[in-house]
Amino acid sequence: METENIAVFIPIVTVISGVVLASYIRKMIHLEKLAMIEKGVSPEFLASKKKGRSSAALRFGLLSIGVGLGFFIGYFLDLQYNMEEVGYFAMLFILGGVGLVVAYLIEEKKEKSNTESTL
């Protein structure tokens, strides 16, 4: 096969695999809920775990800021010290990790304030 033909099939196979995976996950969740109902357990137990405020947007936002700053500082390291790709990757991972740590600290502070306000 030629490279162009293979390149055409990659997105097609990816989309089909994604749809099959999503269908399989949905079916397993449904079967799990049916099994819980048969055993007399309320399936709302699963929904109560998911209703907590998710701070995925906060984590993603701070990670993106860290990655952006990593590229920015890596660019200046490359200009100043001629570090090539090393500066980019080092700053990318360091500042991305700092962004995730900051997100964790914010989440802990928010959770602590929520538990103190309910008491």
N, C-alpha and C. Protein backbone atom coordinates (compact mmCIF):
# COMPACT_ATOMS: atom_id res chain seq x y z
N MET A 1 0.83 -1.19 0.00
CA MET A 1 0.00 0.00 0.00
C MET A 1 0.87 1.25 0.00
N GLU A 2 0.36 2.25 -0.62
CA GLU A 2 1.08 3.50 -0.64
C GLU A 2 0.81 4.28 0.64
N THR A 3 1.68 5.20 0.93
CA THR A 3 1.56 5.99 2.15
C THR A 3 0.28 6.82 2.15
N GLU A 4 -0.11 7.33 1.00
CA GLU A 4 -1.32 8.15 0.94
C GLU A 4 -2.56 7.34 1.29
N ASN A 5 -2.60 6.08 0.85
CA ASN A 5 -3.75 5.23 1.16
C ASN A 5 -3.83 4.94 2.65
N ILE A 6 -2.69 4.70 3.27
CA ILE A 6 -2.67 4.44 4.71
C ILE A 6 -3.10 5.68 5.47
N ALA A 7 -2.65 6.85 5.02
CA ALA A 7 -3.00 8.10 5.69
C ALA A 7 -4.50 8.38 5.63
N VAL A 8 -5.17 7.90 4.60
CA VAL A 8 -6.62 8.09 4.50
C VAL A 8 -7.34 7.21 5.51
N PHE A 9 -6.83 6.01 5.74
CA PHE A 9 -7.51 5.08 6.63
C PHE A 9 -7.32 5.40 8.11
N ILE A 10 -6.29 6.12 8.47
CA ILE A 10 -6.04 6.42 9.88
C ILE A 10 -7.20 7.16 10.53
N PRO A 11 -7.71 8.28 9.97
CA PRO A 11 -8.83 8.96 10.61
C PRO A 11 -10.11 8.12 10.61
N ILE A 12 -10.31 7.34 9.55
CA ILE A 12 -11.51 6.50 9.47
C ILE A 12 -11.48 5.45 10.58
N VAL A 13 -10.36 4.78 10.74
CA VAL A 13 -10.24 3.76 11.78
C VAL A 13 -10.34 4.39 13.17
N THR A 14 -9.78 5.58 13.35
CA THR A 14 -9.85 6.26 14.64
C THR A 14 -11.29 6.60 15.01
N VAL A 15 -12.04 7.12 14.07
CA VAL A 15 -13.44 7.49 14.35
C VAL A 15 -14.26 6.24 14.66
N ILE A 16 -14.10 5.21 13.86
CA ILE A 16 -14.84 3.96 14.10
C ILE A 16 -14.48 3.37 15.45
N SER A 17 -13.20 3.36 15.79
CA SER A 17 -12.78 2.83 17.09
C SER A 17 -13.34 3.65 18.24
N GLY A 18 -13.38 4.97 18.08
CA GLY A 18 -13.95 5.83 19.12
C GLY A 18 -15.43 5.57 19.34
N VAL A 19 -16.17 5.38 18.26
CA VAL A 19 -17.61 5.11 18.37
C VAL A 19 -17.84 3.75 19.04
N VAL A 20 -17.07 2.74 18.64
CA VAL A 20 -17.20 1.41 19.25
C VAL A 20 -16.85 1.47 20.74
N LEU A 21 -15.80 2.18 21.09
CA LEU A 21 -15.39 2.30 22.49
C LEU A 21 -16.46 3.01 23.32
N ALA A 22 -17.00 4.10 22.79
CA ALA A 22 -18.05 4.83 23.51
C ALA A 22 -19.29 3.96 23.70
N SER A 23 -19.67 3.21 22.68
CA SER A 23 -20.83 2.31 22.79
C SER A 23 -20.59 1.23 23.83
N TYR A 24 -19.39 0.67 23.85
CA TYR A 24 -19.07 -0.38 24.81
C TYR A 24 -19.08 0.16 26.24
N ILE A 25 -18.53 1.33 26.46
CA ILE A 25 -18.54 1.93 27.80
C ILE A 25 -19.97 2.21 28.24
N ARG A 26 -20.77 2.74 27.34
CA ARG A 26 -22.18 3.04 27.67
C ARG A 26 -22.93 1.76 28.03
N LYS A 27 -22.68 0.67 27.29
CA LYS A 27 -23.34 -0.60 27.56
C LYS A 27 -22.92 -1.14 28.92
N MET A 28 -21.65 -1.04 29.27
CA MET A 28 -21.16 -1.54 30.55
C MET A 28 -21.75 -0.75 31.72
N ILE A 29 -21.90 0.55 31.55
CA ILE A 29 -22.53 1.36 32.60
C ILE A 29 -23.98 0.93 32.79
N HIS A 30 -24.66 0.69 31.67
CA HIS A 30 -26.06 0.25 31.74
C HIS A 30 -26.17 -1.10 32.44
N LEU A 31 -25.30 -2.04 32.09
CA LEU A 31 -25.34 -3.36 32.72
C LEU A 31 -25.01 -3.27 34.22
N GLU A 32 -24.11 -2.38 34.58
CA GLU A 32 -23.78 -2.19 35.99
C GLU A 32 -24.99 -1.66 36.77
N LYS A 33 -25.69 -0.71 36.18
CA LYS A 33 -26.89 -0.18 36.84
C LYS A 33 -27.97 -1.25 36.96
N LEU A 34 -28.14 -2.08 35.92
CA LEU A 34 -29.12 -3.16 36.00
C LEU A 34 -28.76 -4.15 37.10
N ALA A 35 -27.48 -4.48 37.24
CA ALA A 35 -27.06 -5.39 38.29
C ALA A 35 -27.29 -4.79 39.66
N MET A 36 -27.10 -3.51 39.81
CA MET A 36 -27.35 -2.85 41.09
C MET A 36 -28.83 -2.88 41.43
N ILE A 37 -29.68 -2.67 40.44
CA ILE A 37 -31.13 -2.70 40.67
C ILE A 37 -31.57 -4.10 41.08
N GLU A 38 -31.00 -5.13 40.42
CA GLU A 38 -31.35 -6.51 40.76
C GLU A 38 -30.95 -6.87 42.18
N LYS A 39 -29.85 -6.30 42.67
CA LYS A 39 -29.40 -6.60 44.03
C LYS A 39 -30.05 -5.70 45.07
N GLY A 40 -30.87 -4.75 44.64
CA GLY A 40 -31.58 -3.90 45.57
C GLY A 40 -30.83 -2.64 45.97
N VAL A 41 -29.74 -2.35 45.31
CA VAL A 41 -28.97 -1.14 45.60
C VAL A 41 -29.43 -0.05 44.64
N SER A 42 -29.58 1.15 45.17
CA SER A 42 -30.02 2.25 44.34
C SER A 42 -28.91 2.70 43.40
N PRO A 43 -29.17 2.77 42.10
CA PRO A 43 -28.13 3.24 41.18
C PRO A 43 -27.83 4.72 41.32
N GLU A 44 -28.62 5.44 42.12
CA GLU A 44 -28.34 6.85 42.35
C GLU A 44 -27.05 7.03 43.14
N PHE A 45 -26.57 5.94 43.74
CA PHE A 45 -25.30 5.98 44.46
C PHE A 45 -24.18 6.39 43.51
N LEU A 46 -24.21 5.89 42.28
CA LEU A 46 -23.19 6.24 41.30
C LEU A 46 -23.30 7.71 40.90
N ALA A 47 -24.53 8.20 40.78
CA ALA A 47 -24.73 9.58 40.37
C ALA A 47 -24.29 10.54 41.47
N SER A 48 -24.42 10.14 42.74
CA SER A 48 -24.04 11.03 43.83
C SER A 48 -22.54 11.24 43.86
N LYS A 49 -21.76 10.24 43.43
CA LYS A 49 -20.32 10.40 43.39
C LYS A 49 -19.91 11.37 42.29
N LYS A 50 -20.67 11.43 41.22
CA LYS A 50 -20.32 12.27 40.10
C LYS A 50 -20.81 13.71 40.27
N LYS A 51 -21.74 13.95 41.18
CA LYS A 51 -22.33 15.27 41.30
C LYS A 51 -21.41 16.28 41.98
N GLY A 52 -20.35 15.82 42.61
CA GLY A 52 -19.43 16.75 43.26
C GLY A 52 -18.86 17.72 42.24
N ARG A 53 -18.56 18.90 42.70
CA ARG A 53 -18.04 19.91 41.77
C ARG A 53 -16.72 19.45 41.19
N SER A 54 -16.71 19.27 39.93
CA SER A 54 -15.49 18.86 39.26
C SER A 54 -14.68 20.10 38.93
N SER A 55 -13.43 20.04 39.21
CA SER A 55 -12.57 21.18 38.90
C SER A 55 -11.65 20.84 37.75
N ALA A 56 -12.16 20.06 36.82
CA ALA A 56 -11.36 19.70 35.65
C ALA A 56 -11.02 20.93 34.82
N ALA A 57 -11.93 21.88 34.77
CA ALA A 57 -11.65 23.11 34.02
C ALA A 57 -10.52 23.89 34.67
N LEU A 58 -10.50 23.93 35.99
CA LEU A 58 -9.42 24.61 36.70
C LEU A 58 -8.08 23.93 36.41
N ARG A 59 -8.06 22.60 36.52
CA ARG A 59 -6.82 21.86 36.25
C ARG A 59 -6.35 22.07 34.82
N PHE A 60 -7.28 21.95 33.89
CA PHE A 60 -6.92 22.11 32.48
C PHE A 60 -6.42 23.53 32.20
N GLY A 61 -7.09 24.51 32.79
CA GLY A 61 -6.69 25.90 32.59
C GLY A 61 -5.31 26.19 33.14
N LEU A 62 -5.05 25.75 34.36
CA LEU A 62 -3.74 26.00 34.95
C LEU A 62 -2.64 25.19 34.26
N LEU A 63 -2.97 23.99 33.80
CA LEU A 63 -2.00 23.22 33.04
C LEU A 63 -1.68 23.91 31.72
N SER A 64 -2.69 24.45 31.07
CA SER A 64 -2.47 25.17 29.80
C SER A 64 -1.63 26.42 30.02
N ILE A 65 -1.91 27.13 31.12
CA ILE A 65 -1.10 28.31 31.43
C ILE A 65 0.35 27.91 31.67
N GLY A 66 0.54 26.83 32.42
CA GLY A 66 1.90 26.36 32.68
C GLY A 66 2.62 25.93 31.42
N VAL A 67 1.91 25.24 30.54
CA VAL A 67 2.52 24.81 29.27
C VAL A 67 2.87 26.03 28.42
N GLY A 68 1.96 27.00 28.37
CA GLY A 68 2.23 28.22 27.60
C GLY A 68 3.43 28.97 28.14
N LEU A 69 3.49 29.11 29.46
CA LEU A 69 4.65 29.77 30.06
C LEU A 69 5.92 28.96 29.83
N GLY A 70 5.79 27.63 29.82
CA GLY A 70 6.94 26.79 29.55
C GLY A 70 7.50 27.02 28.16
N PHE A 71 6.61 27.11 27.17
CA PHE A 71 7.07 27.40 25.81
C PHE A 71 7.70 28.79 25.73
N PHE A 72 7.07 29.74 26.41
CA PHE A 72 7.55 31.13 26.39
C PHE A 72 8.95 31.24 26.99
N ILE A 73 9.14 30.67 28.18
CA ILE A 73 10.44 30.73 28.84
C ILE A 73 11.45 29.87 28.08
N GLY A 74 11.01 28.73 27.55
CA GLY A 74 11.90 27.90 26.74
C GLY A 74 12.40 28.63 25.50
N TYR A 75 11.54 29.45 24.92
CA TYR A 75 11.94 30.24 23.75
C TYR A 75 13.06 31.20 24.13
N PHE A 76 12.89 31.88 25.27
CA PHE A 76 13.92 32.82 25.69
C PHE A 76 15.21 32.11 26.11
N LEU A 77 15.10 30.94 26.69
CA LEU A 77 16.30 30.17 27.01
C LEU A 77 17.03 29.76 25.73
N ASP A 78 16.26 29.41 24.72
CA ASP A 78 16.85 29.04 23.44
C ASP A 78 17.58 30.24 22.82
N LEU A 79 16.96 31.42 22.90
CA LEU A 79 17.60 32.61 22.34
C LEU A 79 18.86 33.01 23.11
N GLN A 80 18.77 32.99 24.43
CA GLN A 80 19.87 33.45 25.27
C GLN A 80 21.05 32.49 25.29
N TYR A 81 20.75 31.20 25.53
CA TYR A 81 21.81 30.24 25.79
C TYR A 81 21.96 29.19 24.69
N ASN A 82 21.20 29.32 23.61
CA ASN A 82 21.27 28.40 22.48
C ASN A 82 21.09 26.94 22.94
N MET A 83 20.02 26.70 23.72
CA MET A 83 19.79 25.38 24.31
C MET A 83 19.02 24.45 23.38
N GLU A 84 18.52 24.96 22.29
CA GLU A 84 17.71 24.21 21.34
C GLU A 84 16.48 23.64 22.02
N GLU A 85 16.18 22.34 21.82
CA GLU A 85 14.93 21.78 22.32
C GLU A 85 14.93 21.51 23.82
N VAL A 86 16.09 21.44 24.43
CA VAL A 86 16.15 21.09 25.85
C VAL A 86 15.41 22.11 26.70
N GLY A 87 15.57 23.38 26.41
CA GLY A 87 14.90 24.43 27.17
C GLY A 87 13.39 24.35 27.04
N TYR A 88 12.92 24.03 25.84
CA TYR A 88 11.48 23.94 25.63
C TYR A 88 10.88 22.81 26.48
N PHE A 89 11.46 21.64 26.37
CA PHE A 89 10.87 20.50 27.07
C PHE A 89 11.02 20.61 28.57
N ALA A 90 12.14 21.11 29.04
CA ALA A 90 12.33 21.25 30.48
C ALA A 90 11.32 22.23 31.06
N MET A 91 11.20 23.39 30.46
CA MET A 91 10.26 24.39 30.97
C MET A 91 8.82 23.94 30.79
N LEU A 92 8.55 23.22 29.73
CA LEU A 92 7.20 22.71 29.48
C LEU A 92 6.76 21.81 30.64
N PHE A 93 7.59 20.84 31.00
CA PHE A 93 7.23 19.91 32.06
C PHE A 93 7.28 20.56 33.44
N ILE A 94 8.25 21.41 33.68
CA ILE A 94 8.36 22.05 34.99
C ILE A 94 7.16 22.95 35.25
N LEU A 95 6.86 23.83 34.32
CA LEU A 95 5.76 24.77 34.55
C LEU A 95 4.39 24.11 34.40
N GLY A 96 4.29 23.07 33.58
CA GLY A 96 3.05 22.30 33.54
C GLY A 96 2.79 21.63 34.88
N GLY A 97 3.83 21.07 35.49
CA GLY A 97 3.71 20.47 36.81
C GLY A 97 3.38 21.49 37.87
N VAL A 98 3.97 22.67 37.77
CA VAL A 98 3.65 23.74 38.73
C VAL A 98 2.18 24.12 38.60
N GLY A 99 1.67 24.17 37.38
CA GLY A 99 0.25 24.48 37.18
C GLY A 99 -0.65 23.44 37.82
N LEU A 100 -0.29 22.16 37.71
CA LEU A 100 -1.10 21.11 38.33
C LEU A 100 -1.01 21.16 39.86
N VAL A 101 0.16 21.49 40.40
CA VAL A 101 0.30 21.62 41.86
C VAL A 101 -0.54 22.79 42.36
N VAL A 102 -0.54 23.90 41.65
CA VAL A 102 -1.36 25.05 42.04
C VAL A 102 -2.84 24.67 41.99
N ALA A 103 -3.25 23.93 40.97
CA ALA A 103 -4.65 23.48 40.88
C ALA A 103 -5.00 22.60 42.06
N TYR A 104 -4.09 21.71 42.45
CA TYR A 104 -4.33 20.84 43.60
C TYR A 104 -4.48 21.66 44.88
N LEU A 105 -3.61 22.64 45.07
CA LEU A 105 -3.70 23.47 46.27
C LEU A 105 -5.00 24.26 46.32
N ILE A 106 -5.44 24.77 45.18
CA ILE A 106 -6.71 25.51 45.13
C ILE A 106 -7.87 24.58 45.44
N GLU A 107 -7.85 23.36 44.88
CA GLU A 107 -8.92 22.39 45.15
C GLU A 107 -8.97 22.01 46.63
N GLU A 108 -7.80 21.79 47.24
CA GLU A 108 -7.76 21.45 48.66
C GLU A 108 -8.29 22.58 49.52
N LYS A 109 -7.92 23.80 49.19
CA LYS A 109 -8.40 24.96 49.94
C LYS A 109 -9.92 25.09 49.81
N LYS A 110 -10.43 24.88 48.59
CA LYS A 110 -11.87 24.96 48.37
C LYS A 110 -12.61 23.86 49.13
N GLU A 111 -12.05 22.64 49.09
CA GLU A 111 -12.68 21.52 49.80
C GLU A 111 -12.66 21.75 51.31
N LYS A 112 -11.56 22.29 51.82
CA LYS A 112 -11.45 22.56 53.24
C LYS A 112 -12.46 23.62 53.68
N SER A 113 -12.62 24.66 52.88
CA SER A 113 -13.59 25.70 53.21
C SER A 113 -15.03 25.18 53.13
N ASN A 114 -15.29 24.25 52.20
CA ASN A 114 -16.62 23.66 52.10
C ASN A 114 -16.95 22.78 53.29
N THR A 115 -15.97 21.99 53.76
CA THR A 115 -16.22 21.14 54.91
C THR A 115 -16.37 21.95 56.19
N GLU A 116 -15.64 23.06 56.32
CA GLU A 116 -15.77 23.91 57.50
C GLU A 116 -17.09 24.65 57.51
N SER A 117 -17.60 25.02 56.33
CA SER A 117 -18.87 25.73 56.26
C SER A 117 -20.06 24.81 56.53
N THR A 118 -19.91 23.51 56.27
CA THR A 118 -21.02 22.58 56.53
C THR A 118 -21.08 22.18 57.98
N LEU A 119 -19.99 22.33 58.73
CA LEU A 119 -19.99 21.97 60.15
C LEU A 119 -20.60 23.01 60.96
